[in-house]
């Protein structure tokens, strides 16, 4: 079981519910790419947990190419939107593991591309 599963189960909204089903494989085939599309839609609506889930997909290379900086950006955006505990822990873990520098700051351009990134 991956971390995005736990996040998906706690999200609200139609897009996040569909994302949860796609990640969990409940009633449909497990599909991280489609889950990413749903979470992007939820993120555009301001769901902090969607940003966290997207960060986890980038961190774990689930349906997308692994990108620790993008993962960090999404974790920090989730923290900015109020999802502080798990998102901050995920960000801190990237720093502790040496995946990103300790003085890393969020790249706002990451979110300009949210609807443009290809999904694998």
PDB file of N, CA and C in Angstrom:
ATOM      1  N   UNK A   1       0.854  -1.177   0.000  1.00  0.00           N
ATOM      2  CA  UNK A   1       0.000   0.000   0.000  1.00  0.00           C
ATOM      3  C   UNK A   1       0.891   1.228   0.000  1.00  0.00           C
ATOM      4  N   UNK A   2       0.592   2.196  -0.860  1.00  0.00           N
ATOM      5  CA  UNK A   2       1.401   3.405  -0.958  1.00  0.00           C
ATOM      6  C   UNK A   2       0.806   4.524  -0.125  1.00  0.00           C
ATOM      7  N   UNK A   3       1.598   5.522   0.137  1.00  0.00           N
ATOM      8  CA  UNK A   3       1.142   6.659   0.922  1.00  0.00           C
ATOM      9  C   UNK A   3      -0.037   7.387   0.267  1.00  0.00           C
ATOM     10  N   UNK A   4      -0.056   7.573  -1.082  1.00  0.00           N
ATOM     11  CA  UNK A   4      -1.206   8.262  -1.667  1.00  0.00           C
ATOM     12  C   UNK A   4      -2.550   7.617  -1.356  1.00  0.00           C
ATOM     13  N   UNK A   5      -2.552   6.316  -1.099  1.00  0.00           N
ATOM     14  CA  UNK A   5      -3.798   5.640  -0.755  1.00  0.00           C
ATOM     15  C   UNK A   5      -4.389   6.250   0.509  1.00  0.00           C
ATOM     16  N   UNK A   6      -3.576   6.450   1.531  1.00  0.00           N
ATOM     17  CA  UNK A   6      -4.057   7.034   2.789  1.00  0.00           C
ATOM     18  C   UNK A   6      -4.577   8.444   2.564  1.00  0.00           C
ATOM     19  N   UNK A   7      -3.889   9.194   1.752  1.00  0.00           N
ATOM     20  CA  UNK A   7      -4.334  10.555   1.447  1.00  0.00           C
ATOM     21  C   UNK A   7      -5.655  10.512   0.703  1.00  0.00           C
ATOM     22  N   UNK A   8      -5.741   9.655  -0.297  1.00  0.00           N
ATOM     23  CA  UNK A   8      -6.952   9.569  -1.113  1.00  0.00           C
ATOM     24  C   UNK A   8      -8.173   9.239  -0.278  1.00  0.00           C
ATOM     25  N   UNK A   9      -8.003   8.376   0.698  1.00  0.00           N
ATOM     26  CA  UNK A   9      -9.145   7.969   1.512  1.00  0.00           C
ATOM     27  C   UNK A   9      -9.685   9.108   2.371  1.00  0.00           C
ATOM     28  N   UNK A  10      -8.883  10.142   2.607  1.00  0.00           N
ATOM     29  CA  UNK A  10      -9.309  11.253   3.452  1.00  0.00           C
ATOM     30  C   UNK A  10      -9.735  12.486   2.674  1.00  0.00           C
ATOM     31  N   UNK A  11      -9.675  12.430   1.348  1.00  0.00           N
ATOM     32  CA  UNK A  11     -10.033  13.596   0.545  1.00  0.00           C
ATOM     33  C   UNK A  11     -11.544  13.680   0.376  1.00  0.00           C
ATOM     34  N   UNK A  12     -11.988  14.878   0.058  1.00  0.00           N
ATOM     35  CA  UNK A  12     -13.406  15.090  -0.217  1.00  0.00           C
ATOM     36  C   UNK A  12     -13.558  15.632  -1.627  1.00  0.00           C
ATOM     37  N   UNK A  13     -14.746  15.595  -2.143  1.00  0.00           N
ATOM     38  CA  UNK A  13     -15.003  16.108  -3.476  1.00  0.00           C
ATOM     39  C   UNK A  13     -15.030  14.988  -4.500  1.00  0.00           C
ATOM     40  N   UNK A  14     -15.740  15.217  -5.584  1.00  0.00           N
ATOM     41  CA  UNK A  14     -15.933  14.195  -6.610  1.00  0.00           C
ATOM     42  C   UNK A  14     -14.615  13.760  -7.240  1.00  0.00           C
ATOM     43  N   UNK A  15     -13.740  14.727  -7.592  1.00  0.00           N
ATOM     44  CA  UNK A  15     -12.485  14.374  -8.237  1.00  0.00           C
ATOM     45  C   UNK A  15     -11.593  13.561  -7.320  1.00  0.00           C
ATOM     46  N   UNK A  16     -11.546  13.923  -6.056  1.00  0.00           N
ATOM     47  CA  UNK A  16     -10.677  13.195  -5.137  1.00  0.00           C
ATOM     48  C   UNK A  16     -11.226  11.804  -4.848  1.00  0.00           C
ATOM     49  N   UNK A  17     -12.535  11.661  -4.839  1.00  0.00           N
ATOM     50  CA  UNK A  17     -13.141  10.342  -4.638  1.00  0.00           C
ATOM     51  C   UNK A  17     -12.801   9.429  -5.805  1.00  0.00           C
ATOM     52  N   UNK A  18     -12.857   9.969  -7.016  1.00  0.00           N
ATOM     53  CA  UNK A  18     -12.488   9.186  -8.189  1.00  0.00           C
ATOM     54  C   UNK A  18     -11.007   8.840  -8.140  1.00  0.00           C
ATOM     55  N   UNK A  19     -10.172   9.781  -7.719  1.00  0.00           N
ATOM     56  CA  UNK A  19      -8.732   9.528  -7.598  1.00  0.00           C
ATOM     57  C   UNK A  19      -8.480   8.401  -6.609  1.00  0.00           C
ATOM     58  N   UNK A  20      -9.188   8.421  -5.499  1.00  0.00           N
ATOM     59  CA  UNK A  20      -9.022   7.373  -4.491  1.00  0.00           C
ATOM     60  C   UNK A  20      -9.350   6.015  -5.075  1.00  0.00           C
ATOM     61  N   UNK A  21     -10.432   5.926  -5.821  1.00  0.00           N
ATOM     62  CA  UNK A  21     -10.824   4.655  -6.433  1.00  0.00           C
ATOM     63  C   UNK A  21      -9.757   4.173  -7.406  1.00  0.00           C
ATOM     64  N   UNK A  22      -9.163   5.105  -8.166  1.00  0.00           N
ATOM     65  CA  UNK A  22      -8.144   4.736  -9.145  1.00  0.00           C
ATOM     66  C   UNK A  22      -6.861   4.261  -8.469  1.00  0.00           C
ATOM     67  N   UNK A  23      -6.492   4.896  -7.375  1.00  0.00           N
ATOM     68  CA  UNK A  23      -5.292   4.482  -6.647  1.00  0.00           C
ATOM     69  C   UNK A  23      -5.517   3.146  -5.961  1.00  0.00           C
ATOM     70  N   UNK A  24      -6.671   2.998  -5.352  1.00  0.00           N
ATOM     71  CA  UNK A  24      -6.968   1.783  -4.604  1.00  0.00           C
ATOM     72  C   UNK A  24      -7.369   0.615  -5.495  1.00  0.00           C
ATOM     73  N   UNK A  25      -7.811   0.919  -6.716  1.00  0.00           N
ATOM     74  CA  UNK A  25      -8.307  -0.132  -7.592  1.00  0.00           C
ATOM     75  C   UNK A  25      -9.679  -0.620  -7.163  1.00  0.00           C
ATOM     76  N   UNK A  26     -10.447   0.236  -6.487  1.00  0.00           N
ATOM     77  CA  UNK A  26     -11.798  -0.142  -6.030  1.00  0.00           C
ATOM     78  C   UNK A  26     -12.814   0.138  -7.135  1.00  0.00           C
ATOM     79  N   UNK A  27     -13.383  -0.891  -7.661  1.00  0.00           N
ATOM     80  CA  UNK A  27     -14.407  -0.744  -8.691  1.00  0.00           C
ATOM     81  C   UNK A  27     -13.841  -0.362 -10.039  1.00  0.00           C
ATOM     82  N   UNK A  28     -12.539  -0.290 -10.155  1.00  0.00           N
ATOM     83  CA  UNK A  28     -11.888   0.072 -11.404  1.00  0.00           C
ATOM     84  C   UNK A  28     -10.447  -0.423 -11.361  1.00  0.00           C
ATOM     85  N   UNK A  29      -9.802  -0.435 -12.496  1.00  0.00           N
ATOM     86  CA  UNK A  29      -8.398  -0.835 -12.544  1.00  0.00           C
ATOM     87  C   UNK A  29      -7.531   0.256 -11.904  1.00  0.00           C
ATOM     88  N   UNK A  30      -6.530  -0.146 -11.148  1.00  0.00           N
ATOM     89  CA  UNK A  30      -5.620   0.809 -10.518  1.00  0.00           C
ATOM     90  C   UNK A  30      -4.904   1.593 -11.614  1.00  0.00           C
ATOM     91  N   UNK A  31      -4.951   2.930 -11.534  1.00  0.00           N
ATOM     92  CA  UNK A  31      -4.383   3.773 -12.589  1.00  0.00           C
ATOM     93  C   UNK A  31      -3.883   5.081 -11.986  1.00  0.00           C
ATOM     94  N   UNK A  32      -2.585   5.162 -11.714  1.00  0.00           N
ATOM     95  CA  UNK A  32      -2.017   6.359 -11.101  1.00  0.00           C
ATOM     96  C   UNK A  32      -2.083   7.573 -12.033  1.00  0.00           C
ATOM     97  N   UNK A  33      -1.967   7.343 -13.339  1.00  0.00           N
ATOM     98  CA  UNK A  33      -2.054   8.447 -14.293  1.00  0.00           C
ATOM     99  C   UNK A  33      -3.413   9.126 -14.237  1.00  0.00           C
ATOM    100  N   UNK A  34      -4.461   8.328 -14.225  1.00  0.00           N
ATOM    101  CA  UNK A  34      -5.805   8.889 -14.125  1.00  0.00           C
ATOM    102  C   UNK A  34      -6.035   9.509 -12.751  1.00  0.00           C
ATOM    103  N   UNK A  35      -5.478   8.896 -11.721  1.00  0.00           N
ATOM    104  CA  UNK A  35      -5.593   9.475 -10.380  1.00  0.00           C
ATOM    105  C   UNK A  35      -4.947  10.852 -10.357  1.00  0.00           C
ATOM    106  N   UNK A  36      -3.792  10.994 -11.026  1.00  0.00           N
ATOM    107  CA  UNK A  36      -3.117  12.288 -11.095  1.00  0.00           C
ATOM    108  C   UNK A  36      -4.023  13.338 -11.728  1.00  0.00           C
ATOM    109  N   UNK A  37      -4.694  12.984 -12.793  1.00  0.00           N
ATOM    110  CA  UNK A  37      -5.602  13.931 -13.449  1.00  0.00           C
ATOM    111  C   UNK A  37      -6.713  14.374 -12.493  1.00  0.00           C
ATOM    112  N   UNK A  38      -7.256  13.428 -11.750  1.00  0.00           N
ATOM    113  CA  UNK A  38      -8.313  13.765 -10.795  1.00  0.00           C
ATOM    114  C   UNK A  38      -7.777  14.655  -9.679  1.00  0.00           C
ATOM    115  N   UNK A  39      -6.575  14.308  -9.160  1.00  0.00           N
ATOM    116  CA  UNK A  39      -6.009  15.125  -8.089  1.00  0.00           C
ATOM    117  C   UNK A  39      -5.638  16.518  -8.572  1.00  0.00           C
ATOM    118  N   UNK A  40      -5.218  16.614  -9.831  1.00  0.00           N
ATOM    119  CA  UNK A  40      -4.932  17.952 -10.378  1.00  0.00           C
ATOM    120  C   UNK A  40      -6.208  18.799 -10.375  1.00  0.00           C
ATOM    121  N   UNK A  41      -7.299  18.193 -10.781  1.00  0.00           N
ATOM    122  CA  UNK A  41      -8.567  18.923 -10.781  1.00  0.00           C
ATOM    123  C   UNK A  41      -8.944  19.338  -9.364  1.00  0.00           C
ATOM    124  N   UNK A  42      -8.755  18.440  -8.403  1.00  0.00           N
ATOM    125  CA  UNK A  42      -9.051  18.766  -7.002  1.00  0.00           C
ATOM    126  C   UNK A  42      -8.111  19.856  -6.492  1.00  0.00           C
ATOM    127  N   UNK A  43      -6.841  19.808  -6.899  1.00  0.00           N
ATOM    128  CA  UNK A  43      -5.882  20.838  -6.494  1.00  0.00           C
ATOM    129  C   UNK A  43      -6.292  22.199  -7.040  1.00  0.00           C
ATOM    130  N   UNK A  44      -6.735  22.232  -8.276  1.00  0.00           N
ATOM    131  CA  UNK A  44      -7.190  23.494  -8.873  1.00  0.00           C
ATOM    132  C   UNK A  44      -8.377  24.079  -8.111  1.00  0.00           C
ATOM    133  N   UNK A  45      -9.139  23.203  -7.426  1.00  0.00           N
ATOM    134  CA  UNK A  45     -10.266  23.674  -6.617  1.00  0.00           C
ATOM    135  C   UNK A  45      -9.820  24.049  -5.209  1.00  0.00           C
ATOM    136  N   UNK A  46      -8.521  23.888  -4.911  1.00  0.00           N
ATOM    137  CA  UNK A  46      -7.986  24.320  -3.636  1.00  0.00           C
ATOM    138  C   UNK A  46      -7.888  23.264  -2.556  1.00  0.00           C
ATOM    139  N   UNK A  47      -8.056  21.985  -2.888  1.00  0.00           N
ATOM    140  CA  UNK A  47      -7.943  20.928  -1.890  1.00  0.00           C
ATOM    141  C   UNK A  47      -6.479  20.709  -1.524  1.00  0.00           C
ATOM    142  N   UNK A  48      -6.110  21.021  -0.300  1.00  0.00           N
ATOM    143  CA  UNK A  48      -4.732  20.880   0.160  1.00  0.00           C
ATOM    144  C   UNK A  48      -4.256  19.439   0.058  1.00  0.00           C
ATOM    145  N   UNK A  49      -5.130  18.491   0.401  1.00  0.00           N
ATOM    146  CA  UNK A  49      -4.729  17.086   0.343  1.00  0.00           C
ATOM    147  C   UNK A  49      -4.424  16.621  -1.077  1.00  0.00           C
ATOM    148  N   UNK A  50      -5.015  17.268  -2.067  1.00  0.00           N
ATOM    149  CA  UNK A  50      -4.706  16.922  -3.452  1.00  0.00           C
ATOM    150  C   UNK A  50      -3.257  17.289  -3.767  1.00  0.00           C
ATOM    151  N   UNK A  51      -2.819  18.446  -3.269  1.00  0.00           N
ATOM    152  CA  UNK A  51      -1.422  18.839  -3.470  1.00  0.00           C
ATOM    153  C   UNK A  51      -0.489  17.835  -2.795  1.00  0.00           C
ATOM    154  N   UNK A  52      -0.841  17.410  -1.614  1.00  0.00           N
ATOM    155  CA  UNK A  52      -0.034  16.414  -0.908  1.00  0.00           C
ATOM    156  C   UNK A  52       0.034  15.117  -1.717  1.00  0.00           C
ATOM    157  N   UNK A  53      -1.095  14.662  -2.210  1.00  0.00           N
ATOM    158  CA  UNK A  53      -1.140  13.420  -2.979  1.00  0.00           C
ATOM    159  C   UNK A  53      -0.302  13.529  -4.252  1.00  0.00           C
ATOM    160  N   UNK A  54      -0.376  14.656  -4.936  1.00  0.00           N
ATOM    161  CA  UNK A  54       0.433  14.847  -6.140  1.00  0.00           C
ATOM    162  C   UNK A  54       1.915  14.812  -5.785  1.00  0.00           C
ATOM    163  N   UNK A  55       2.270  15.439  -4.682  1.00  0.00           N
ATOM    164  CA  UNK A  55       3.655  15.397  -4.235  1.00  0.00           C
ATOM    165  C   UNK A  55       4.126  13.976  -3.991  1.00  0.00           C
ATOM    166  N   UNK A  56       3.266  13.159  -3.418  1.00  0.00           N
ATOM    167  CA  UNK A  56       3.621  11.768  -3.150  1.00  0.00           C
ATOM    168  C   UNK A  56       3.786  10.980  -4.447  1.00  0.00           C
ATOM    169  N   UNK A  57       2.963  11.278  -5.442  1.00  0.00           N
ATOM    170  CA  UNK A  57       3.117  10.602  -6.723  1.00  0.00           C
ATOM    171  C   UNK A  57       4.455  10.949  -7.363  1.00  0.00           C
ATOM    172  N   UNK A  58       4.835  12.240  -7.313  1.00  0.00           N
ATOM    173  CA  UNK A  58       6.143  12.638  -7.858  1.00  0.00           C
ATOM    174  C   UNK A  58       7.289  12.045  -7.048  1.00  0.00           C
ATOM    175  N   UNK A  59       7.163  12.017  -5.747  1.00  0.00           N
ATOM    176  CA  UNK A  59       8.218  11.464  -4.901  1.00  0.00           C
ATOM    177  C   UNK A  59       8.436   9.974  -5.181  1.00  0.00           C
ATOM    178  N   UNK A  60       7.340   9.242  -5.354  1.00  0.00           N
ATOM    179  CA  UNK A  60       7.408   7.793  -5.491  1.00  0.00           C
ATOM    180  C   UNK A  60       7.372   7.308  -6.942  1.00  0.00           C
ATOM    181  N   UNK A  61       7.343   8.249  -7.905  1.00  0.00           N
ATOM    182  CA  UNK A  61       7.307   7.904  -9.332  1.00  0.00           C
ATOM    183  C   UNK A  61       6.124   6.988  -9.659  1.00  0.00           C
ATOM    184  N   UNK A  62       4.948   7.372  -9.199  1.00  0.00           N
ATOM    185  CA  UNK A  62       3.728   6.609  -9.447  1.00  0.00           C
ATOM    186  C   UNK A  62       2.900   7.321 -10.513  1.00  0.00           C
ATOM    187  N   UNK A  63       2.995   6.852 -11.745  1.00  0.00           N
ATOM    188  CA  UNK A  63       2.248   7.451 -12.843  1.00  0.00           C
ATOM    189  C   UNK A  63       2.927   8.653 -13.465  1.00  0.00           C
ATOM    190  N   UNK A  64       4.038   9.102 -12.881  1.00  0.00           N
ATOM    191  CA  UNK A  64       4.818  10.234 -13.390  1.00  0.00           C
ATOM    192  C   UNK A  64       6.298   9.925 -13.198  1.00  0.00           C
ATOM    193  N   UNK A  65       7.144  10.685 -13.888  1.00  0.00           N
ATOM    194  CA  UNK A  65       8.580  10.545 -13.688  1.00  0.00           C
ATOM    195  C   UNK A  65       8.946  11.099 -12.312  1.00  0.00           C
ATOM    196  N   UNK A  66       9.816  10.393 -11.608  1.00  0.00           N
ATOM    197  CA  UNK A  66      10.208  10.834 -10.261  1.00  0.00           C
ATOM    198  C   UNK A  66      10.865  12.204 -10.337  1.00  0.00           C
ATOM    199  N   UNK A  67      10.405  13.115  -9.461  1.00  0.00           N
ATOM    200  CA  UNK A  67      10.929  14.476  -9.430  1.00  0.00           C
ATOM    201  C   UNK A  67      10.803  14.995  -8.004  1.00  0.00           C
ATOM    202  N   UNK A  68      11.911  14.970  -7.274  1.00  0.00           N
ATOM    203  CA  UNK A  68      11.886  15.357  -5.869  1.00  0.00           C
ATOM    204  C   UNK A  68      11.591  16.838  -5.676  1.00  0.00           C
ATOM    205  N   UNK A  69      12.050  17.684  -6.592  1.00  0.00           N
ATOM    206  CA  UNK A  69      11.763  19.111  -6.452  1.00  0.00           C
ATOM    207  C   UNK A  69      10.280  19.396  -6.646  1.00  0.00           C
ATOM    208  N   UNK A  70       9.668  18.763  -7.630  1.00  0.00           N
ATOM    209  CA  UNK A  70       8.219  18.942  -7.805  1.00  0.00           C
ATOM    210  C   UNK A  70       7.476  18.393  -6.595  1.00  0.00           C
ATOM    211  N   UNK A  71       7.924  17.247  -6.089  1.00  0.00           N
ATOM    212  CA  UNK A  71       7.295  16.690  -4.890  1.00  0.00           C
ATOM    213  C   UNK A  71       7.373  17.700  -3.756  1.00  0.00           C
ATOM    214  N   UNK A  72       8.546  18.284  -3.561  1.00  0.00           N
ATOM    215  CA  UNK A  72       8.721  19.278  -2.498  1.00  0.00           C
ATOM    216  C   UNK A  72       7.800  20.470  -2.710  1.00  0.00           C
ATOM    217  N   UNK A  73       7.676  20.934  -3.956  1.00  0.00           N
ATOM    218  CA  UNK A  73       6.789  22.067  -4.247  1.00  0.00           C
ATOM    219  C   UNK A  73       5.348  21.758  -3.857  1.00  0.00           C
ATOM    220  N   UNK A  74       4.895  20.560  -4.207  1.00  0.00           N
ATOM    221  CA  UNK A  74       3.519  20.191  -3.886  1.00  0.00           C
ATOM    222  C   UNK A  74       3.315  20.023  -2.384  1.00  0.00           C
ATOM    223  N   UNK A  75       4.306  19.470  -1.697  1.00  0.00           N
ATOM    224  CA  UNK A  75       4.201  19.364  -0.235  1.00  0.00           C
ATOM    225  C   UNK A  75       4.131  20.751   0.404  1.00  0.00           C
ATOM    226  N   UNK A  76       4.986  21.663  -0.063  1.00  0.00           N
ATOM    227  CA  UNK A  76       4.981  23.016   0.504  1.00  0.00           C
ATOM    228  C   UNK A  76       3.680  23.752   0.199  1.00  0.00           C
ATOM    229  N   UNK A  77       3.135  23.533  -0.991  1.00  0.00           N
ATOM    230  CA  UNK A  77       1.840  24.157  -1.325  1.00  0.00           C
ATOM    231  C   UNK A  77       0.746  23.624  -0.413  1.00  0.00           C
ATOM    232  N   UNK A  78       0.767  22.335  -0.122  1.00  0.00           N
ATOM    233  CA  UNK A  78      -0.219  21.756   0.791  1.00  0.00           C
ATOM    234  C   UNK A  78      -0.081  22.373   2.175  1.00  0.00           C
ATOM    235  N   UNK A  79       1.160  22.566   2.615  1.00  0.00           N
ATOM    236  CA  UNK A  79       1.389  23.214   3.918  1.00  0.00           C
ATOM    237  C   UNK A  79       0.834  24.635   3.888  1.00  0.00           C
ATOM    238  N   UNK A  80       1.100  25.345   2.808  1.00  0.00           N
ATOM    239  CA  UNK A  80       0.606  26.718   2.653  1.00  0.00           C
ATOM    240  C   UNK A  80      -0.920  26.776   2.741  1.00  0.00           C
ATOM    241  N   UNK A  81      -1.575  25.726   2.248  1.00  0.00           N
ATOM    242  CA  UNK A  81      -3.039  25.678   2.245  1.00  0.00           C
ATOM    243  C   UNK A  81      -3.629  25.091   3.527  1.00  0.00           C
ATOM    244  N   UNK A  82      -2.749  24.738   4.484  1.00  0.00           N
ATOM    245  CA  UNK A  82      -3.250  24.302   5.780  1.00  0.00           C
ATOM    246  C   UNK A  82      -3.086  22.833   6.102  1.00  0.00           C
ATOM    247  N   UNK A  83      -2.599  22.032   5.176  1.00  0.00           N
ATOM    248  CA  UNK A  83      -2.375  20.606   5.428  1.00  0.00           C
ATOM    249  C   UNK A  83      -0.942  20.451   5.929  1.00  0.00           C
ATOM    250  N   UNK A  84      -0.745  20.717   7.205  1.00  0.00           N
ATOM    251  CA  UNK A  84       0.605  20.893   7.701  1.00  0.00           C
ATOM    252  C   UNK A  84       1.301  19.638   8.192  1.00  0.00           C
ATOM    253  N   UNK A  85       0.635  18.757   8.883  1.00  0.00           N
ATOM    254  CA  UNK A  85       1.336  17.660   9.547  1.00  0.00           C
ATOM    255  C   UNK A  85       2.016  16.702   8.568  1.00  0.00           C
ATOM    256  N   UNK A  86       1.264  16.011   7.764  1.00  0.00           N
ATOM    257  CA  UNK A  86       1.838  15.018   6.856  1.00  0.00           C
ATOM    258  C   UNK A  86       2.658  15.671   5.745  1.00  0.00           C
ATOM    259  N   UNK A  87       2.176  16.771   5.211  1.00  0.00           N
ATOM    260  CA  UNK A  87       2.892  17.440   4.121  1.00  0.00           C
ATOM    261  C   UNK A  87       4.239  17.963   4.597  1.00  0.00           C
ATOM    262  N   UNK A  88       4.265  18.556   5.775  1.00  0.00           N
ATOM    263  CA  UNK A  88       5.533  19.049   6.315  1.00  0.00           C
ATOM    264  C   UNK A  88       6.475  17.886   6.598  1.00  0.00           C
ATOM    265  N   UNK A  89       5.948  16.803   7.115  1.00  0.00           N
ATOM    266  CA  UNK A  89       6.775  15.621   7.381  1.00  0.00           C
ATOM    267  C   UNK A  89       7.350  15.066   6.078  1.00  0.00           C
ATOM    268  N   UNK A  90       6.549  15.039   5.023  1.00  0.00           N
ATOM    269  CA  UNK A  90       7.034  14.560   3.727  1.00  0.00           C
ATOM    270  C   UNK A  90       8.141  15.452   3.187  1.00  0.00           C
ATOM    271  N   UNK A  91       7.963  16.768   3.314  1.00  0.00           N
ATOM    272  CA  UNK A  91       8.991  17.716   2.878  1.00  0.00           C
ATOM    273  C   UNK A  91      10.265  17.510   3.693  1.00  0.00           C
ATOM    274  N   UNK A  92      10.118  17.446   5.006  1.00  0.00           N
ATOM    275  CA  UNK A  92      11.278  17.268   5.883  1.00  0.00           C
ATOM    276  C   UNK A  92      12.025  15.985   5.565  1.00  0.00           C
ATOM    277  N   UNK A  93      11.293  14.936   5.214  1.00  0.00           N
ATOM    278  CA  UNK A  93      11.917  13.662   4.876  1.00  0.00           C
ATOM    279  C   UNK A  93      12.779  13.795   3.620  1.00  0.00           C
ATOM    280  N   UNK A  94      12.312  14.561   2.631  1.00  0.00           N
ATOM    281  CA  UNK A  94      13.112  14.787   1.424  1.00  0.00           C
ATOM    282  C   UNK A  94      14.421  15.481   1.770  1.00  0.00           C
ATOM    283  N   UNK A  95      14.347  16.449   2.678  1.00  0.00           N
ATOM    284  CA  UNK A  95      15.553  17.158   3.114  1.00  0.00           C
ATOM    285  C   UNK A  95      16.481  16.196   3.852  1.00  0.00           C
ATOM    286  N   UNK A  96      15.943  15.455   4.804  1.00  0.00           N
ATOM    287  CA  UNK A  96      16.746  14.530   5.607  1.00  0.00           C
ATOM    288  C   UNK A  96      17.426  13.464   4.750  1.00  0.00           C
ATOM    289  N   UNK A  97      16.767  13.044   3.687  1.00  0.00           N
ATOM    290  CA  UNK A  97      17.325  12.021   2.805  1.00  0.00           C
ATOM    291  C   UNK A  97      18.286  12.601   1.766  1.00  0.00           C
ATOM    292  N   UNK A  98      18.439  13.927   1.777  1.00  0.00           N
ATOM    293  CA  UNK A  98      19.336  14.570   0.827  1.00  0.00           C
ATOM    294  C   UNK A  98      18.781  14.681  -0.573  1.00  0.00           C
ATOM    295  N   UNK A  99      17.477  14.521  -0.735  1.00  0.00           N
ATOM    296  CA  UNK A  99      16.847  14.595  -2.055  1.00  0.00           C
ATOM    297  C   UNK A  99      16.706  16.043  -2.527  1.00  0.00           C
ATOM    298  N   UNK A 100      16.576  16.962  -1.582  1.00  0.00           N
ATOM    299  CA  UNK A 100      16.514  18.405  -1.871  1.00  0.00           C
ATOM    300  C   UNK A 100      17.366  19.111  -0.817  1.00  0.00           C
ATOM    301  N   UNK A 101      17.870  20.315  -1.132  1.00  0.00           N
ATOM    302  CA  UNK A 101      18.685  21.039  -0.146  1.00  0.00           C
ATOM    303  C   UNK A 101      17.835  21.559   1.012  1.00  0.00           C
ATOM    304  N   UNK A 102      18.457  21.727   2.153  1.00  0.00           N
ATOM    305  CA  UNK A 102      17.751  22.196   3.355  1.00  0.00           C
ATOM    306  C   UNK A 102      17.163  23.586   3.160  1.00  0.00           C
ATOM    307  N   UNK A 103      17.766  24.400   2.297  1.00  0.00           N
ATOM    308  CA  UNK A 103      17.268  25.765   2.067  1.00  0.00           C
ATOM    309  C   UNK A 103      16.347  25.854   0.850  1.00  0.00           C
ATOM    310  N   UNK A 104      15.786  24.711   0.439  1.00  0.00           N
ATOM    311  CA  UNK A 104      14.906  24.672  -0.735  1.00  0.00           C
ATOM    312  C   UNK A 104      13.695  25.578  -0.540  1.00  0.00           C
ATOM    313  N   UNK A 105      13.355  26.337  -1.578  1.00  0.00           N
ATOM    314  CA  UNK A 105      12.142  27.158  -1.556  1.00  0.00           C
ATOM    315  C   UNK A 105      11.252  26.749  -2.728  1.00  0.00           C
ATOM    316  N   UNK A 106       9.970  26.910  -2.528  1.00  0.00           N
ATOM    317  CA  UNK A 106       8.974  26.492  -3.506  1.00  0.00           C
ATOM    318  C   UNK A 106       9.132  27.276  -4.817  1.00  0.00           C
ATOM    319  N   UNK A 107       9.045  26.561  -5.926  1.00  0.00           N
ATOM    320  CA  UNK A 107       9.066  27.153  -7.257  1.00  0.00           C
ATOM    321  C   UNK A 107       7.618  27.376  -7.691  1.00  0.00           C
ATOM    322  N   UNK A 108       7.152  28.625  -7.725  1.00  0.00           N
ATOM    323  CA  UNK A 108       5.744  28.859  -8.083  1.00  0.00           C
ATOM    324  C   UNK A 108       5.394  28.448  -9.508  1.00  0.00           C
ATOM    325  N   UNK A 109       6.395  28.335 -10.388  1.00  0.00           N
ATOM    326  CA  UNK A 109       6.121  27.920 -11.763  1.00  0.00           C
ATOM    327  C   UNK A 109       5.603  26.486 -11.838  1.00  0.00           C
ATOM    328  N   UNK A 110       5.881  25.684 -10.835  1.00  0.00           N
ATOM    329  CA  UNK A 110       5.389  24.302 -10.803  1.00  0.00           C
ATOM    330  C   UNK A 110       3.871  24.287 -10.953  1.00  0.00           C
ATOM    331  N   UNK A 111       3.199  25.223 -10.348  1.00  0.00           N
ATOM    332  CA  UNK A 111       1.738  25.212 -10.327  1.00  0.00           C
ATOM    333  C   UNK A 111       1.136  25.831 -11.576  1.00  0.00           C
ATOM    334  N   UNK A 112       1.929  26.626 -12.303  1.00  0.00           N
ATOM    335  CA  UNK A 112       1.470  27.139 -13.599  1.00  0.00           C
ATOM    336  C   UNK A 112       1.342  26.004 -14.597  1.00  0.00           C
ATOM    337  N   UNK A 113       2.114  24.950 -14.353  1.00  0.00           N
ATOM    338  CA  UNK A 113       2.156  23.823 -15.276  1.00  0.00           C
ATOM    339  C   UNK A 113       1.224  22.691 -14.859  1.00  0.00           C
ATOM    340  N   UNK A 114       0.455  22.859 -13.800  1.00  0.00           N
ATOM    341  CA  UNK A 114      -0.333  21.748 -13.255  1.00  0.00           C
ATOM    342  C   UNK A 114      -1.217  21.084 -14.312  1.00  0.00           C
ATOM    343  N   UNK A 115      -1.802  21.853 -15.187  1.00  0.00           N
ATOM    344  CA  UNK A 115      -2.679  21.263 -16.201  1.00  0.00           C
ATOM    345  C   UNK A 115      -1.921  20.879 -17.460  1.00  0.00           C
ATOM    346  N   UNK A 116      -0.628  21.239 -17.534  1.00  0.00           N
ATOM    347  CA  UNK A 116       0.131  21.004 -18.744  1.00  0.00           C
ATOM    348  C   UNK A 116       1.051  19.806 -18.686  1.00  0.00           C
ATOM    349  N   UNK A 117       1.419  19.366 -17.476  1.00  0.00           N
ATOM    350  CA  UNK A 117       2.330  18.227 -17.337  1.00  0.00           C
ATOM    351  C   UNK A 117       1.726  16.991 -17.954  1.00  0.00           C
ATOM    352  N   UNK A 118       2.503  16.287 -18.793  1.00  0.00           N
ATOM    353  CA  UNK A 118       1.971  15.021 -19.314  1.00  0.00           C
ATOM    354  C   UNK A 118       1.891  13.994 -18.202  1.00  0.00           C
ATOM    355  N   UNK A 119       0.873  13.188 -18.261  1.00  0.00           N
ATOM    356  CA  UNK A 119       0.691  12.115 -17.285  1.00  0.00           C
ATOM    357  C   UNK A 119       1.012  10.810 -17.972  1.00  0.00           C
ATOM    358  N   UNK A 120       1.888  10.016 -17.343  1.00  0.00           N
ATOM    359  CA  UNK A 120       2.292   8.736 -17.941  1.00  0.00           C
ATOM    360  C   UNK A 120       1.149   7.738 -17.900  1.00  0.00           C
TER     361      UNK A 120
END
